[in-house]
Amino acid sequence: MTKNAIGSIFFLAFSCFYFFNVFNIKEMPGGQFEVMTASTFPFYIGICGIIISLLILILSFVKKDTDFLSIQYLKTMDFKTTMYFILAMIFYGFTIRTLGFIISTIIFLLIGFLLLKEKNIKRILLISCGVSIGFYLLLNNVLGVYIDPGMLYEFIIGDQS
């Protein structure tokens, strides 16, 4: 079995799990008559993930790759960095409520850049701060999606939400 086939099987399993959990998203009262609900976008992402993974799986059997998944190939993969990224995502998930979206995202992006061995500190800080603040402003001000500023902000400002 080729690496594309194995990767597409994992992606298919993840997409199916994601798609079936879309139906557990709670809707607002009276939201069943709306065109766009909280589950509309995740529904289509799940469908697209399933279709793409099935296409990759079919194409991996049609077009045979000569490099099979072997021990030498597994030795070239960087599982240590992958595990660090998974730990960084878990950290991000636990700190987003406490530190807020902006600070947690900046820290997560900083860690990500450092894991990818980016050396330019100015570039790391500029991109991390710019992306997190820009995305926050886009969601809050343009799209109207409320993002909780976090308990740290509420503690410093003394505001209760």
N, C-alpha and C. Protein backbone atom coordinates (compact mmCIF):
# COMPACT_ATOMS: atom_id res chain seq x y z
N MET A 1 0.85 -1.18 0.00
CA MET A 1 0.00 0.00 0.00
C MET A 1 0.90 1.23 0.00
N THR A 2 0.56 2.21 -0.80
CA THR A 2 1.40 3.39 -0.93
C THR A 2 1.13 4.38 0.20
N LYS A 3 2.02 5.35 0.33
CA LYS A 3 1.84 6.36 1.37
C LYS A 3 0.61 7.22 1.09
N ASN A 4 0.28 7.44 -0.18
CA ASN A 4 -0.92 8.20 -0.50
C ASN A 4 -2.18 7.46 -0.07
N ALA A 5 -2.19 6.16 -0.25
CA ALA A 5 -3.35 5.36 0.15
C ALA A 5 -3.52 5.37 1.66
N ILE A 6 -2.43 5.21 2.38
CA ILE A 6 -2.51 5.21 3.84
C ILE A 6 -2.94 6.58 4.36
N GLY A 7 -2.37 7.63 3.79
CA GLY A 7 -2.75 8.98 4.19
C GLY A 7 -4.21 9.28 3.89
N SER A 8 -4.68 8.84 2.73
CA SER A 8 -6.07 9.09 2.38
C SER A 8 -7.03 8.29 3.25
N ILE A 9 -6.62 7.11 3.71
CA ILE A 9 -7.48 6.33 4.62
C ILE A 9 -7.61 7.05 5.96
N PHE A 10 -6.50 7.57 6.47
CA PHE A 10 -6.57 8.35 7.72
C PHE A 10 -7.42 9.61 7.54
N PHE A 11 -7.23 10.29 6.40
CA PHE A 11 -8.01 11.50 6.13
C PHE A 11 -9.49 11.17 5.96
N LEU A 12 -9.79 10.03 5.35
CA LEU A 12 -11.18 9.59 5.19
C LEU A 12 -11.81 9.29 6.55
N ALA A 13 -11.06 8.63 7.43
CA ALA A 13 -11.58 8.33 8.77
C ALA A 13 -11.83 9.62 9.54
N PHE A 14 -10.90 10.55 9.47
CA PHE A 14 -11.08 11.83 10.16
C PHE A 14 -12.27 12.59 9.58
N SER A 15 -12.40 12.63 8.26
CA SER A 15 -13.50 13.35 7.62
C SER A 15 -14.85 12.73 7.96
N CYS A 16 -14.93 11.41 8.01
CA CYS A 16 -16.17 10.75 8.40
C CYS A 16 -16.53 11.06 9.84
N PHE A 17 -15.53 10.99 10.74
CA PHE A 17 -15.76 11.34 12.14
C PHE A 17 -16.24 12.78 12.26
N TYR A 18 -15.60 13.69 11.54
CA TYR A 18 -15.98 15.11 11.55
C TYR A 18 -17.40 15.28 11.02
N PHE A 19 -17.70 14.63 9.90
CA PHE A 19 -19.01 14.76 9.28
C PHE A 19 -20.13 14.26 10.19
N PHE A 20 -19.93 13.12 10.83
CA PHE A 20 -20.98 12.58 11.68
C PHE A 20 -21.16 13.40 12.96
N ASN A 21 -20.13 14.08 13.41
CA ASN A 21 -20.26 14.96 14.58
C ASN A 21 -20.90 16.30 14.25
N VAL A 22 -21.03 16.62 12.97
CA VAL A 22 -21.71 17.86 12.58
C VAL A 22 -23.17 17.83 13.04
N PHE A 23 -23.75 16.66 13.05
CA PHE A 23 -25.16 16.54 13.42
C PHE A 23 -25.39 16.73 14.91
N ASN A 24 -24.32 16.80 15.71
CA ASN A 24 -24.44 17.06 17.14
C ASN A 24 -24.37 18.55 17.48
N ILE A 25 -24.15 19.40 16.48
CA ILE A 25 -24.07 20.84 16.72
C ILE A 25 -25.47 21.35 17.02
N LYS A 26 -25.58 22.04 18.13
CA LYS A 26 -26.89 22.57 18.54
C LYS A 26 -27.22 23.82 17.71
N GLU A 27 -28.50 23.94 17.37
CA GLU A 27 -28.95 25.09 16.60
C GLU A 27 -29.69 26.06 17.50
N MET A 28 -29.71 27.30 17.08
CA MET A 28 -30.44 28.32 17.81
C MET A 28 -31.93 28.02 17.70
N PRO A 29 -32.72 28.40 18.70
CA PRO A 29 -34.17 28.19 18.60
C PRO A 29 -34.72 28.94 17.39
N GLY A 30 -35.47 28.25 16.57
CA GLY A 30 -36.02 28.83 15.35
C GLY A 30 -35.02 28.84 14.21
N GLY A 31 -33.85 28.27 14.41
CA GLY A 31 -32.81 28.29 13.39
C GLY A 31 -33.01 27.27 12.29
N GLN A 32 -33.95 26.36 12.45
CA GLN A 32 -34.16 25.35 11.43
C GLN A 32 -34.70 25.94 10.14
N PHE A 33 -35.21 27.18 10.20
CA PHE A 33 -35.76 27.83 9.01
C PHE A 33 -34.72 28.73 8.33
N GLU A 34 -33.55 28.85 8.92
CA GLU A 34 -32.50 29.70 8.38
C GLU A 34 -31.78 28.98 7.24
N VAL A 35 -31.25 29.77 6.31
CA VAL A 35 -30.47 29.21 5.22
C VAL A 35 -29.10 28.77 5.72
N MET A 36 -28.46 29.60 6.54
CA MET A 36 -27.14 29.29 7.11
C MET A 36 -27.31 29.09 8.61
N THR A 37 -26.87 27.94 9.09
CA THR A 37 -26.89 27.67 10.52
C THR A 37 -25.46 27.38 10.99
N ALA A 38 -25.31 27.03 12.25
CA ALA A 38 -23.98 26.75 12.78
C ALA A 38 -23.38 25.48 12.18
N SER A 39 -24.20 24.62 11.65
CA SER A 39 -23.68 23.36 11.10
C SER A 39 -23.56 23.38 9.57
N THR A 40 -23.90 24.47 8.91
CA THR A 40 -23.86 24.50 7.45
C THR A 40 -22.44 24.37 6.93
N PHE A 41 -21.54 25.23 7.39
CA PHE A 41 -20.17 25.21 6.90
C PHE A 41 -19.45 23.91 7.29
N PRO A 42 -19.54 23.45 8.55
CA PRO A 42 -18.90 22.17 8.88
C PRO A 42 -19.46 20.99 8.08
N PHE A 43 -20.76 21.04 7.73
CA PHE A 43 -21.36 19.98 6.93
C PHE A 43 -20.66 19.87 5.58
N TYR A 44 -20.49 21.01 4.91
CA TYR A 44 -19.86 21.01 3.59
C TYR A 44 -18.37 20.70 3.67
N ILE A 45 -17.70 21.10 4.74
CA ILE A 45 -16.30 20.74 4.92
C ILE A 45 -16.17 19.23 5.06
N GLY A 46 -17.05 18.61 5.83
CA GLY A 46 -17.03 17.16 5.99
C GLY A 46 -17.26 16.44 4.68
N ILE A 47 -18.24 16.90 3.90
CA ILE A 47 -18.52 16.30 2.59
C ILE A 47 -17.31 16.42 1.67
N CYS A 48 -16.72 17.62 1.62
CA CYS A 48 -15.55 17.83 0.76
C CYS A 48 -14.38 16.97 1.20
N GLY A 49 -14.17 16.83 2.51
CA GLY A 49 -13.09 15.98 3.00
C GLY A 49 -13.28 14.53 2.61
N ILE A 50 -14.50 14.06 2.70
CA ILE A 50 -14.79 12.67 2.31
C ILE A 50 -14.56 12.47 0.81
N ILE A 51 -15.04 13.41 0.00
CA ILE A 51 -14.89 13.29 -1.46
C ILE A 51 -13.41 13.34 -1.85
N ILE A 52 -12.66 14.29 -1.28
CA ILE A 52 -11.25 14.42 -1.63
C ILE A 52 -10.46 13.19 -1.20
N SER A 53 -10.73 12.69 0.00
CA SER A 53 -9.99 11.51 0.45
C SER A 53 -10.33 10.28 -0.38
N LEU A 54 -11.58 10.14 -0.79
CA LEU A 54 -11.94 9.02 -1.67
C LEU A 54 -11.26 9.14 -3.03
N LEU A 55 -11.19 10.37 -3.57
CA LEU A 55 -10.50 10.57 -4.85
C LEU A 55 -9.01 10.23 -4.74
N ILE A 56 -8.38 10.67 -3.66
CA ILE A 56 -6.96 10.37 -3.47
C ILE A 56 -6.76 8.86 -3.31
N LEU A 57 -7.67 8.21 -2.58
CA LEU A 57 -7.56 6.77 -2.39
C LEU A 57 -7.71 6.02 -3.71
N ILE A 58 -8.68 6.41 -4.51
CA ILE A 58 -8.89 5.76 -5.81
C ILE A 58 -7.70 6.01 -6.74
N LEU A 59 -7.23 7.25 -6.77
CA LEU A 59 -6.10 7.57 -7.64
C LEU A 59 -4.81 6.89 -7.18
N SER A 60 -4.68 6.63 -5.90
CA SER A 60 -3.47 5.96 -5.43
C SER A 60 -3.43 4.51 -5.88
N PHE A 61 -4.61 3.90 -6.09
CA PHE A 61 -4.61 2.54 -6.60
C PHE A 61 -4.53 2.50 -8.12
N VAL A 62 -5.03 3.55 -8.78
CA VAL A 62 -4.95 3.61 -10.23
C VAL A 62 -3.51 3.88 -10.66
N LYS A 63 -2.91 4.89 -10.06
CA LYS A 63 -1.53 5.26 -10.38
C LYS A 63 -0.63 4.66 -9.31
N LYS A 64 0.08 3.64 -9.65
CA LYS A 64 0.95 2.96 -8.68
C LYS A 64 2.22 3.76 -8.49
N ASP A 65 2.50 4.10 -7.24
CA ASP A 65 3.76 4.75 -6.91
C ASP A 65 4.81 3.68 -6.68
N THR A 66 6.01 4.01 -7.05
CA THR A 66 7.08 3.02 -6.89
C THR A 66 7.66 3.04 -5.48
N ASP A 67 7.48 4.13 -4.77
CA ASP A 67 8.04 4.14 -3.42
C ASP A 67 6.96 3.76 -2.42
N PHE A 68 7.10 2.54 -1.93
CA PHE A 68 6.14 2.01 -0.98
C PHE A 68 6.49 2.47 0.42
N LEU A 69 5.52 2.41 1.30
CA LEU A 69 5.76 2.76 2.69
C LEU A 69 6.69 1.72 3.30
N SER A 70 7.87 2.15 3.66
CA SER A 70 8.86 1.22 4.18
C SER A 70 9.47 1.78 5.44
N ILE A 71 10.32 1.01 6.05
CA ILE A 71 11.01 1.43 7.26
C ILE A 71 11.92 2.62 6.96
N GLN A 72 12.58 2.62 5.80
CA GLN A 72 13.44 3.74 5.45
C GLN A 72 12.63 5.03 5.31
N TYR A 73 11.45 4.92 4.73
CA TYR A 73 10.61 6.10 4.58
C TYR A 73 10.14 6.60 5.95
N LEU A 74 9.77 5.69 6.83
CA LEU A 74 9.32 6.09 8.17
C LEU A 74 10.45 6.74 8.97
N LYS A 75 11.69 6.31 8.73
CA LYS A 75 12.82 6.91 9.42
C LYS A 75 13.08 8.35 8.97
N THR A 76 12.66 8.70 7.77
CA THR A 76 12.87 10.06 7.28
C THR A 76 11.83 11.04 7.82
N MET A 77 10.74 10.53 8.37
CA MET A 77 9.68 11.41 8.87
C MET A 77 10.06 11.96 10.24
N ASP A 78 9.59 13.17 10.52
CA ASP A 78 9.94 13.86 11.76
C ASP A 78 8.76 13.75 12.74
N PHE A 79 8.67 12.63 13.45
CA PHE A 79 7.58 12.42 14.38
C PHE A 79 7.71 13.29 15.63
N LYS A 80 8.93 13.66 15.97
CA LYS A 80 9.17 14.49 17.15
C LYS A 80 8.53 15.87 16.97
N THR A 81 8.73 16.48 15.81
CA THR A 81 8.13 17.78 15.54
C THR A 81 6.61 17.67 15.48
N THR A 82 6.11 16.57 14.93
CA THR A 82 4.67 16.36 14.88
C THR A 82 4.07 16.29 16.27
N MET A 83 4.74 15.59 17.16
CA MET A 83 4.25 15.48 18.54
C MET A 83 4.29 16.84 19.24
N TYR A 84 5.34 17.63 18.96
CA TYR A 84 5.42 18.97 19.54
C TYR A 84 4.27 19.85 19.03
N PHE A 85 3.92 19.71 17.75
CA PHE A 85 2.78 20.46 17.21
C PHE A 85 1.47 20.02 17.86
N ILE A 86 1.31 18.74 18.09
CA ILE A 86 0.11 18.25 18.76
C ILE A 86 0.03 18.80 20.18
N LEU A 87 1.16 18.82 20.88
CA LEU A 87 1.18 19.41 22.23
C LEU A 87 0.89 20.90 22.18
N ALA A 88 1.39 21.59 21.16
CA ALA A 88 1.11 23.02 21.02
C ALA A 88 -0.38 23.26 20.76
N MET A 89 -1.01 22.39 19.97
CA MET A 89 -2.45 22.53 19.72
C MET A 89 -3.26 22.26 20.99
N ILE A 90 -2.84 21.28 21.77
CA ILE A 90 -3.53 21.01 23.04
C ILE A 90 -3.38 22.20 23.98
N PHE A 91 -2.17 22.76 24.05
CA PHE A 91 -1.92 23.96 24.85
C PHE A 91 -2.82 25.11 24.39
N TYR A 92 -2.93 25.29 23.08
CA TYR A 92 -3.76 26.34 22.51
C TYR A 92 -5.23 26.14 22.91
N GLY A 93 -5.68 24.91 22.84
CA GLY A 93 -7.06 24.62 23.20
C GLY A 93 -7.36 24.89 24.67
N PHE A 94 -6.39 24.62 25.53
CA PHE A 94 -6.60 24.85 26.97
C PHE A 94 -6.44 26.32 27.35
N THR A 95 -5.68 27.10 26.60
CA THR A 95 -5.43 28.49 26.99
C THR A 95 -6.29 29.51 26.30
N ILE A 96 -7.04 29.13 25.29
CA ILE A 96 -7.80 30.12 24.53
C ILE A 96 -8.89 30.78 25.38
N ARG A 97 -9.48 30.05 26.29
CA ARG A 97 -10.51 30.64 27.15
C ARG A 97 -9.89 31.54 28.21
N THR A 98 -8.75 31.14 28.74
CA THR A 98 -8.12 31.90 29.81
C THR A 98 -7.40 33.14 29.28
N LEU A 99 -6.52 32.95 28.31
CA LEU A 99 -5.73 34.06 27.79
C LEU A 99 -6.45 34.88 26.73
N GLY A 100 -7.44 34.30 26.10
CA GLY A 100 -8.14 34.98 25.03
C GLY A 100 -7.61 34.55 23.68
N PHE A 101 -8.38 34.87 22.64
CA PHE A 101 -8.05 34.44 21.29
C PHE A 101 -6.73 35.04 20.81
N ILE A 102 -6.55 36.33 20.99
CA ILE A 102 -5.39 37.01 20.42
C ILE A 102 -4.10 36.51 21.06
N ILE A 103 -4.02 36.51 22.37
CA ILE A 103 -2.78 36.10 23.05
C ILE A 103 -2.49 34.62 22.81
N SER A 104 -3.51 33.78 22.90
CA SER A 104 -3.30 32.34 22.66
C SER A 104 -2.84 32.06 21.24
N THR A 105 -3.44 32.76 20.28
CA THR A 105 -3.07 32.55 18.89
C THR A 105 -1.65 33.04 18.62
N ILE A 106 -1.28 34.17 19.21
CA ILE A 106 0.09 34.66 19.04
C ILE A 106 1.08 33.64 19.60
N ILE A 107 0.81 33.12 20.79
CA ILE A 107 1.72 32.14 21.40
C ILE A 107 1.78 30.87 20.55
N PHE A 108 0.62 30.40 20.06
CA PHE A 108 0.59 29.20 19.23
C PHE A 108 1.39 29.39 17.94
N LEU A 109 1.21 30.54 17.29
CA LEU A 109 1.95 30.79 16.05
C LEU A 109 3.44 30.95 16.31
N LEU A 110 3.81 31.58 17.43
CA LEU A 110 5.23 31.69 17.79
C LEU A 110 5.84 30.30 17.96
N ILE A 111 5.14 29.44 18.69
CA ILE A 111 5.64 28.07 18.90
C ILE A 111 5.74 27.34 17.56
N GLY A 112 4.74 27.52 16.70
CA GLY A 112 4.76 26.87 15.39
C GLY A 112 5.93 27.31 14.54
N PHE A 113 6.18 28.62 14.52
CA PHE A 113 7.33 29.11 13.74
C PHE A 113 8.65 28.59 14.30
N LEU A 114 8.75 28.55 15.63
CA LEU A 114 9.99 28.04 16.23
C LEU A 114 10.18 26.55 15.96
N LEU A 115 9.08 25.80 15.95
CA LEU A 115 9.18 24.37 15.63
C LEU A 115 9.60 24.15 14.18
N LEU A 116 9.20 25.08 13.30
CA LEU A 116 9.58 24.97 11.89
C LEU A 116 10.94 25.59 11.61
N LYS A 117 11.63 25.98 12.70
CA LYS A 117 13.01 26.48 12.65
C LYS A 117 13.15 27.79 11.89
N GLU A 118 12.18 28.66 12.04
CA GLU A 118 12.30 30.02 11.49
C GLU A 118 13.25 30.80 12.38
N LYS A 119 14.21 31.51 11.78
CA LYS A 119 15.24 32.19 12.55
C LYS A 119 14.96 33.68 12.74
N ASN A 120 14.23 34.30 11.83
CA ASN A 120 14.02 35.74 11.87
C ASN A 120 12.94 36.09 12.91
N ILE A 121 13.38 36.60 14.06
CA ILE A 121 12.47 36.90 15.16
C ILE A 121 11.50 38.02 14.79
N LYS A 122 11.99 39.02 14.06
CA LYS A 122 11.11 40.12 13.64
C LYS A 122 9.96 39.61 12.78
N ARG A 123 10.28 38.73 11.86
CA ARG A 123 9.27 38.15 10.96
C ARG A 123 8.27 37.30 11.76
N ILE A 124 8.79 36.52 12.71
CA ILE A 124 7.92 35.67 13.53
C ILE A 124 6.93 36.52 14.31
N LEU A 125 7.41 37.55 14.97
CA LEU A 125 6.53 38.41 15.77
C LEU A 125 5.54 39.18 14.91
N LEU A 126 6.02 39.71 13.79
CA LEU A 126 5.14 40.49 12.92
C LEU A 126 4.02 39.62 12.35
N ILE A 127 4.36 38.45 11.87
CA ILE A 127 3.34 37.57 11.28
C ILE A 127 2.39 37.05 12.36
N SER A 128 2.92 36.62 13.50
CA SER A 128 2.07 36.08 14.56
C SER A 128 1.08 37.12 15.06
N CYS A 129 1.58 38.32 15.36
CA CYS A 129 0.69 39.38 15.86
C CYS A 129 -0.27 39.85 14.77
N GLY A 130 0.24 40.02 13.56
CA GLY A 130 -0.62 40.49 12.46
C GLY A 130 -1.73 39.53 12.12
N VAL A 131 -1.41 38.26 12.06
CA VAL A 131 -2.42 37.26 11.70
C VAL A 131 -3.48 37.15 12.79
N SER A 132 -3.05 37.08 14.04
CA SER A 132 -4.03 36.89 15.11
C SER A 132 -4.91 38.14 15.29
N ILE A 133 -4.33 39.32 15.27
CA ILE A 133 -5.13 40.54 15.43
C ILE A 133 -6.00 40.76 14.19
N GLY A 134 -5.43 40.54 13.01
CA GLY A 134 -6.22 40.71 11.78
C GLY A 134 -7.39 39.74 11.70
N PHE A 135 -7.15 38.49 12.07
CA PHE A 135 -8.22 37.50 12.04
C PHE A 135 -9.29 37.82 13.08
N TYR A 136 -8.87 38.30 14.26
CA TYR A 136 -9.82 38.69 15.29
C TYR A 136 -10.70 39.85 14.81
N LEU A 137 -10.07 40.86 14.21
CA LEU A 137 -10.84 42.01 13.71
C LEU A 137 -11.75 41.61 12.56
N LEU A 138 -11.27 40.73 11.70
CA LEU A 138 -12.10 40.26 10.59
C LEU A 138 -13.34 39.53 11.11
N LEU A 139 -13.14 38.63 12.07
CA LEU A 139 -14.27 37.88 12.60
C LEU A 139 -15.23 38.77 13.37
N ASN A 140 -14.70 39.61 14.27
CA ASN A 140 -15.56 40.44 15.11
C ASN A 140 -16.22 41.57 14.35
N ASN A 141 -15.46 42.32 13.58
CA ASN A 141 -15.98 43.55 12.99
C ASN A 141 -16.61 43.36 11.61
N VAL A 142 -16.06 42.48 10.80
CA VAL A 142 -16.56 42.32 9.44
C VAL A 142 -17.63 41.24 9.36
N LEU A 143 -17.32 40.07 9.92
CA LEU A 143 -18.25 38.95 9.82
C LEU A 143 -19.28 38.90 10.95
N GLY A 144 -19.05 39.65 12.00
CA GLY A 144 -20.00 39.70 13.12
C GLY A 144 -20.00 38.46 13.99
N VAL A 145 -18.88 37.72 14.00
CA VAL A 145 -18.77 36.53 14.84
C VAL A 145 -18.12 36.96 16.15
N TYR A 146 -18.82 36.78 17.24
CA TYR A 146 -18.30 37.20 18.55
C TYR A 146 -17.26 36.20 19.03
N ILE A 147 -16.11 36.73 19.40
CA ILE A 147 -15.06 35.91 19.99
C ILE A 147 -14.81 36.46 21.39
N ASP A 148 -14.95 35.60 22.38
CA ASP A 148 -14.76 36.00 23.77
C ASP A 148 -13.32 36.46 23.98
N PRO A 149 -13.11 37.65 24.57
CA PRO A 149 -11.74 38.14 24.74
C PRO A 149 -10.92 37.35 25.75
N GLY A 150 -11.55 36.56 26.58
CA GLY A 150 -10.81 35.73 27.53
C GLY A 150 -10.90 36.24 28.95
N MET A 151 -10.61 35.34 29.88
CA MET A 151 -10.71 35.69 31.30
C MET A 151 -9.62 36.66 31.73
N LEU A 152 -8.46 36.61 31.09
CA LEU A 152 -7.38 37.54 31.42
C LEU A 152 -7.79 38.97 31.11
N TYR A 153 -8.40 39.19 29.96
CA TYR A 153 -8.89 40.51 29.57
C TYR A 153 -9.97 40.99 30.55
N GLU A 154 -10.88 40.09 30.92
CA GLU A 154 -11.93 40.45 31.85
C GLU A 154 -11.36 40.77 33.23
N PHE A 155 -10.30 40.07 33.63
CA PHE A 155 -9.66 40.33 34.92
C PHE A 155 -8.96 41.68 34.91
N ILE A 156 -8.26 41.98 33.83
CA ILE A 156 -7.52 43.25 33.76
C ILE A 156 -8.46 44.42 33.62
N ILE A 157 -9.44 44.33 32.76
CA ILE A 157 -10.38 45.43 32.52
C ILE A 157 -11.43 45.48 33.62
N GLY A 158 -11.73 44.35 34.22
CA GLY A 158 -12.77 44.29 35.24
C GLY A 158 -14.15 44.18 34.64
N ASP A 159 -14.21 43.74 33.39
CA ASP A 159 -15.47 43.64 32.67
C ASP A 159 -16.01 42.22 32.81
N GLN A 160 -17.28 42.10 32.97
CA GLN A 160 -17.93 40.79 33.01
C GLN A 160 -18.74 40.60 31.75
N SER A 161 -18.55 39.47 31.09
CA SER A 161 -19.33 39.22 29.88
C SER A 161 -20.38 38.17 30.12
